[in-house]
Amino acid sequence: MTPILLLGAGRMGGALAQGWRDAGAFSAADLIIRDPHIDPAAFAGARINPPLEALGAAKTVLLAVKPQIWREAVKDVVPHLAPDAVIVSIAAGVRAADISEAFCGRRVARVMPTTAVSIGRGAASIHAEDPEALARAKALFAPVAAVAELASEDLMHAATAVSGSAPAYLYAFVEALEAAGAAQGLDAADSARLARATIIGAAALMEQSGEEPAELRKQVTSPGGTTAAALGVLMGEGGFGDLLPKALAACVKRSEELGG
């Protein structure tokens, strides 16, 4: 399945390269990178922007450009690819049929990963109709992510909302928690230190304990206590139960728009 051609080496492409290297899955020597804005130092050992004729060596093509520019980014590349190259796309919202058509009928898998692939702790939603494309996508992402195979491509929109975009939701929550702590009189640095350590520890406990989130919540919520008072706001009218469905619906809508 190598060499792997990365079309786009931005934040996600770079995260994958780092994760693969640290996991011992693929080395820089396995990569061919095409990106006009690349930092060569970040991909030392890879073949960077070689002549177009060299792209025919690629067995796997990872489409990692912004969805708004993907057609422009691939038009010069396609004529030089091997006929049996498999396309794995992480372009949000872009349909497999459109990608396959642009790549002259080549097999396509779609993946929605998170940037934590850089530390081997990512999540990746995968769909492909073709078994070989599915296997190729799994081989790329299983070393650096928890993989969920989706039964339908239509579910990629929901996967984007609940996983691909969700790290930003958590970061936004931590930002708000830090600011709220400072508003209650904590030193801003102390509020940030406490908020971040608490969130990181709670996530680690959820992973290691195997308990359901609802059970863990109950374990730290005494009836009539301080946590219950806060949760009365967060889980009450206008709280998480109202906000998150609206947020995910907005994300799904935008994903559908990007797919045309």
Protein backbone atom coordinates (compact mmCIF):
# COMPACT_ATOMS: atom_id res chain seq x y z
CA MET A 1 0.00 0.00 0.00
CA THR A 2 3.03 2.28 -0.09
CA PRO A 3 4.20 4.73 -1.24
CA ILE A 4 1.41 6.91 0.16
CA LEU A 5 0.79 10.14 -1.71
CA LEU A 6 -0.44 12.94 0.58
CA LEU A 7 -2.36 15.51 -1.40
CA GLY A 8 -2.23 18.24 1.22
CA ALA A 9 0.07 18.29 4.21
CA GLY A 10 -1.67 20.77 6.48
CA ARG A 11 -2.73 20.16 10.06
CA MET A 12 -4.34 16.76 9.49
CA GLY A 13 -1.75 15.54 7.00
CA GLY A 14 0.99 16.52 9.40
CA ALA A 15 -0.82 14.90 12.32
CA LEU A 16 -1.07 11.63 10.43
CA ALA A 17 2.59 11.68 9.40
CA GLN A 18 3.63 12.22 13.01
CA GLY A 19 1.29 9.55 14.32
CA TRP A 20 2.42 6.98 11.76
CA ARG A 21 6.07 7.68 12.51
CA ASP A 22 5.64 7.39 16.28
CA ALA A 23 3.54 4.22 15.94
CA GLY A 24 6.08 2.64 13.60
CA ALA A 25 3.34 2.19 11.01
CA PHE A 26 4.78 4.20 8.11
CA SER A 27 7.98 6.19 7.87
CA ALA A 28 8.70 9.43 6.05
CA ALA A 29 10.35 7.35 3.32
CA ASP A 30 6.93 5.81 2.61
CA LEU A 31 5.44 9.23 1.82
CA ILE A 32 5.20 11.34 -1.29
CA ILE A 33 3.87 14.79 -0.47
CA ARG A 34 2.30 17.32 -2.79
CA ASP A 35 1.60 20.67 -1.13
CA PRO A 36 2.78 24.08 -2.35
CA HIS A 37 2.93 25.47 1.19
CA ILE A 38 4.71 22.62 2.95
CA ASP A 39 7.40 23.05 5.60
CA PRO A 40 10.06 20.59 4.40
CA ALA A 41 11.61 20.34 7.86
CA ALA A 42 8.39 18.82 9.21
CA PHE A 43 8.54 15.96 6.68
CA ALA A 44 12.24 15.20 6.51
CA GLY A 45 12.86 11.99 4.59
CA ALA A 46 9.70 12.18 2.48
CA ARG A 47 9.63 12.92 -1.24
CA ILE A 48 8.31 16.47 -1.35
CA ASN A 49 6.72 17.93 -4.48
CA PRO A 50 8.49 15.63 -6.93
CA PRO A 51 7.79 15.89 -10.67
CA LEU A 52 4.26 14.85 -11.57
CA GLU A 53 5.60 11.81 -13.40
CA ALA A 54 6.85 10.40 -10.08
CA LEU A 55 3.32 10.22 -8.67
CA GLY A 56 2.62 7.04 -10.62
CA ALA A 57 4.53 5.13 -7.95
CA ALA A 58 1.87 5.84 -5.32
CA LYS A 59 -0.26 2.88 -4.29
CA THR A 60 -2.46 4.90 -1.96
CA VAL A 61 -3.55 8.53 -2.34
CA LEU A 62 -4.67 10.39 0.77
CA LEU A 63 -6.83 13.34 -0.24
CA ALA A 64 -6.22 15.76 2.63
CA VAL A 65 -6.95 19.18 1.14
CA LYS A 66 -9.73 21.56 2.16
CA PRO A 67 -13.06 20.44 0.67
CA GLN A 68 -13.58 23.81 -1.00
CA ILE A 69 -10.46 23.36 -3.21
CA TRP A 70 -10.24 19.61 -3.73
CA ARG A 71 -11.13 19.59 -7.44
CA GLU A 72 -8.51 22.21 -8.25
CA ALA A 73 -5.93 20.34 -6.17
CA VAL A 74 -6.32 17.00 -7.97
CA LYS A 75 -6.79 17.95 -11.61
CA ASP A 76 -3.08 17.97 -12.47
CA VAL A 77 -2.38 14.87 -10.41
CA VAL A 78 -4.96 12.42 -11.74
CA PRO A 79 -3.42 11.76 -15.20
CA HIS A 80 -0.18 10.65 -13.58
CA LEU A 81 -1.56 8.16 -11.04
CA ALA A 82 -1.39 4.39 -11.42
CA PRO A 83 -4.72 2.86 -12.54
CA ASP A 84 -4.87 0.69 -9.39
CA ALA A 85 -4.12 3.49 -6.91
CA VAL A 86 -6.69 3.60 -4.08
CA ILE A 87 -8.03 6.99 -3.01
CA VAL A 88 -8.64 7.63 0.70
CA SER A 89 -10.36 10.96 1.30
CA ILE A 90 -10.58 12.97 4.51
CA ALA A 91 -12.20 15.94 2.75
CA ALA A 92 -15.28 16.70 4.85
CA GLY A 93 -18.59 16.39 3.06
CA VAL A 94 -17.22 15.43 -0.35
CA ARG A 95 -19.06 12.39 -1.71
CA ALA A 96 -17.24 9.24 -2.73
CA ALA A 97 -18.99 9.17 -6.12
CA ASP A 98 -17.70 12.66 -6.94
CA ILE A 99 -14.19 11.74 -5.83
CA SER A 100 -14.22 8.53 -7.86
CA GLU A 101 -15.43 10.41 -10.93
CA ALA A 102 -12.69 13.02 -10.56
CA PHE A 103 -10.12 10.23 -10.17
CA CYS A 104 -11.35 8.43 -13.30
CA GLY A 105 -13.22 5.64 -11.54
CA ARG A 106 -10.56 4.63 -9.03
CA ARG A 107 -11.66 2.97 -5.80
CA VAL A 108 -12.47 5.37 -2.96
CA ALA A 109 -12.78 5.24 0.82
CA ARG A 110 -13.93 8.14 2.97
CA VAL A 111 -12.59 8.80 6.44
CA MET A 112 -13.40 11.42 9.08
CA PRO A 113 -10.49 11.47 11.56
CA THR A 114 -9.53 13.67 14.52
CA THR A 115 -6.19 15.41 14.93
CA ALA A 116 -5.33 13.26 17.96
CA VAL A 117 -4.02 10.76 15.39
CA SER A 118 -0.79 12.72 15.92
CA ILE A 119 -0.42 11.06 19.34
CA GLY A 120 -2.01 7.73 18.39
CA ARG A 121 -5.26 8.60 20.19
CA GLY A 122 -7.46 9.64 17.32
CA ALA A 123 -10.93 8.55 16.23
CA ALA A 124 -11.74 7.71 12.61
CA SER A 125 -15.08 7.03 10.96
CA ILE A 126 -14.66 5.01 7.75
CA HIS A 127 -16.91 4.08 4.85
CA ALA A 128 -16.21 2.45 1.50
CA GLU A 129 -18.29 0.34 -0.83
CA ASP A 130 -15.23 -1.38 -2.25
CA PRO A 131 -13.64 -3.98 0.09
CA GLU A 132 -10.08 -3.17 -0.98
CA ALA A 133 -10.60 0.56 -0.41
CA LEU A 134 -12.10 -0.18 3.01
CA ALA A 135 -9.15 -2.38 3.96
CA ARG A 136 -6.71 0.28 2.77
CA ALA A 137 -8.38 2.98 4.88
CA LYS A 138 -8.36 0.74 7.94
CA ALA A 139 -4.68 -0.02 7.45
CA LEU A 140 -3.93 3.71 7.35
CA PHE A 141 -5.90 4.70 10.41
CA ALA A 142 -6.04 1.69 12.76
CA PRO A 143 -2.45 2.28 13.98
CA VAL A 144 -3.33 5.80 15.20
CA ALA A 145 -7.07 5.83 15.89
CA ALA A 146 -10.11 4.02 17.19
CA VAL A 147 -11.90 3.06 13.97
CA ALA A 148 -15.66 2.92 13.42
CA GLU A 149 -16.88 1.41 10.14
CA LEU A 150 -20.07 3.13 8.98
CA ALA A 151 -22.75 1.15 7.19
CA SER A 152 -23.77 4.05 4.95
CA GLU A 153 -21.93 6.99 3.44
CA ASP A 154 -24.82 9.22 4.51
CA LEU A 155 -23.72 8.63 8.11
CA MET A 156 -20.46 10.49 7.44
CA HIS A 157 -22.27 13.77 8.07
CA ALA A 158 -23.30 12.61 11.55
CA ALA A 159 -19.85 11.17 12.21
CA THR A 160 -18.35 14.54 11.34
CA ALA A 161 -20.67 16.23 13.83
CA VAL A 162 -20.14 13.81 16.71
CA SER A 163 -16.46 13.06 16.19
CA GLY A 164 -14.57 14.92 13.48
CA SER A 165 -15.62 18.36 14.72
CA ALA A 166 -16.10 17.43 18.37
CA PRO A 167 -12.58 18.16 19.69
CA ALA A 168 -13.35 21.83 19.06
CA TYR A 169 -16.49 21.51 21.20
CA LEU A 170 -14.39 20.25 24.11
CA TYR A 171 -11.78 22.97 23.68
CA ALA A 172 -14.54 25.58 23.61
CA PHE A 173 -15.98 24.10 26.82
CA VAL A 174 -12.61 24.29 28.55
CA GLU A 175 -12.18 27.90 27.40
CA ALA A 176 -15.56 28.79 28.87
CA LEU A 177 -14.85 26.88 32.10
CA GLU A 178 -11.55 28.71 32.59
CA ALA A 179 -13.21 32.08 32.02
CA ALA A 180 -16.08 31.25 34.37
CA GLY A 181 -13.64 30.22 37.11
CA ALA A 182 -11.76 33.49 36.74
CA ALA A 183 -15.09 35.36 36.92
CA GLN A 184 -15.70 33.68 40.27
CA GLY A 185 -12.45 35.16 41.61
CA LEU A 186 -9.82 32.55 40.78
CA ASP A 187 -6.51 33.72 39.40
CA ALA A 188 -6.74 33.19 35.62
CA ALA A 189 -3.69 30.90 35.55
CA ASP A 190 -5.01 28.85 38.46
CA SER A 191 -8.43 28.55 36.82
CA ALA A 192 -6.81 27.34 33.59
CA ARG A 193 -4.58 24.85 35.42
CA LEU A 194 -7.49 23.40 37.41
CA ALA A 195 -9.90 23.25 34.48
CA ARG A 196 -7.47 21.53 32.11
CA ALA A 197 -6.17 19.02 34.64
CA THR A 198 -9.71 18.15 35.70
CA ILE A 199 -10.96 17.55 32.16
CA ILE A 200 -7.89 15.51 31.21
CA GLY A 201 -8.18 13.42 34.38
CA ALA A 202 -11.91 12.84 33.93
CA ALA A 203 -11.39 11.66 30.34
CA ALA A 204 -8.58 9.32 31.42
CA LEU A 205 -10.77 7.89 34.19
CA MET A 206 -13.61 7.29 31.74
CA GLU A 207 -11.23 5.39 29.47
CA GLN A 208 -9.53 3.33 32.17
CA SER A 209 -12.62 2.52 34.21
CA GLY A 210 -14.81 1.45 31.29
CA GLU A 211 -17.79 2.96 33.10
CA GLU A 212 -20.61 4.65 31.22
CA PRO A 213 -20.46 8.46 31.31
CA ALA A 214 -23.85 8.60 33.02
CA GLU A 215 -22.59 6.34 35.81
CA LEU A 216 -19.43 8.38 36.31
CA ARG A 217 -21.55 11.52 36.47
CA LYS A 218 -23.72 9.99 39.17
CA GLN A 219 -20.68 8.95 41.18
CA VAL A 220 -19.58 12.57 41.59
CA THR A 221 -23.06 14.06 42.04
CA SER A 222 -24.45 14.01 45.56
CA PRO A 223 -28.19 14.68 45.71
CA GLY A 224 -28.74 18.30 46.68
CA GLY A 225 -25.02 19.06 46.55
CA THR A 226 -22.87 21.56 44.70
CA THR A 227 -22.40 19.43 41.57
CA ALA A 228 -26.15 18.82 41.36
CA ALA A 229 -26.72 22.57 41.49
CA ALA A 230 -24.39 23.14 38.54
CA LEU A 231 -25.82 20.23 36.56
CA GLY A 232 -29.29 21.65 37.10
CA VAL A 233 -28.17 24.47 34.83
CA LEU A 234 -26.05 22.49 32.39
CA MET A 235 -28.60 19.71 31.92
CA GLY A 236 -31.70 21.85 32.37
CA GLU A 237 -33.68 23.88 29.87
CA GLY A 238 -31.35 25.47 27.33
CA GLY A 239 -28.46 23.29 28.52
CA PHE A 240 -26.58 20.41 26.89
CA GLY A 241 -29.76 18.54 25.96
CA ASP A 242 -30.91 21.51 23.87
CA LEU A 243 -27.57 22.90 22.70
CA LEU A 244 -25.81 19.78 21.45
CA PRO A 245 -28.58 18.60 19.11
CA LYS A 246 -28.67 22.10 17.62
CA ALA A 247 -24.88 22.20 17.30
CA LEU A 248 -24.72 18.79 15.64
CA ALA A 249 -27.58 19.67 13.30
CA ALA A 250 -25.68 22.80 12.20
CA CYS A 251 -22.55 20.72 11.63
CA VAL A 252 -24.45 18.11 9.58
CA LYS A 253 -26.08 20.84 7.49
CA ARG A 254 -22.72 22.41 6.68
CA SER A 255 -21.22 19.01 5.86
CA GLU A 256 -24.06 18.39 3.42
CA GLU A 257 -23.51 21.81 1.84
CA LEU A 258 -19.81 21.15 1.34
CA GLY A 259 -20.71 17.94 -0.46
CA GLY A 260 -22.80 19.85 -2.94
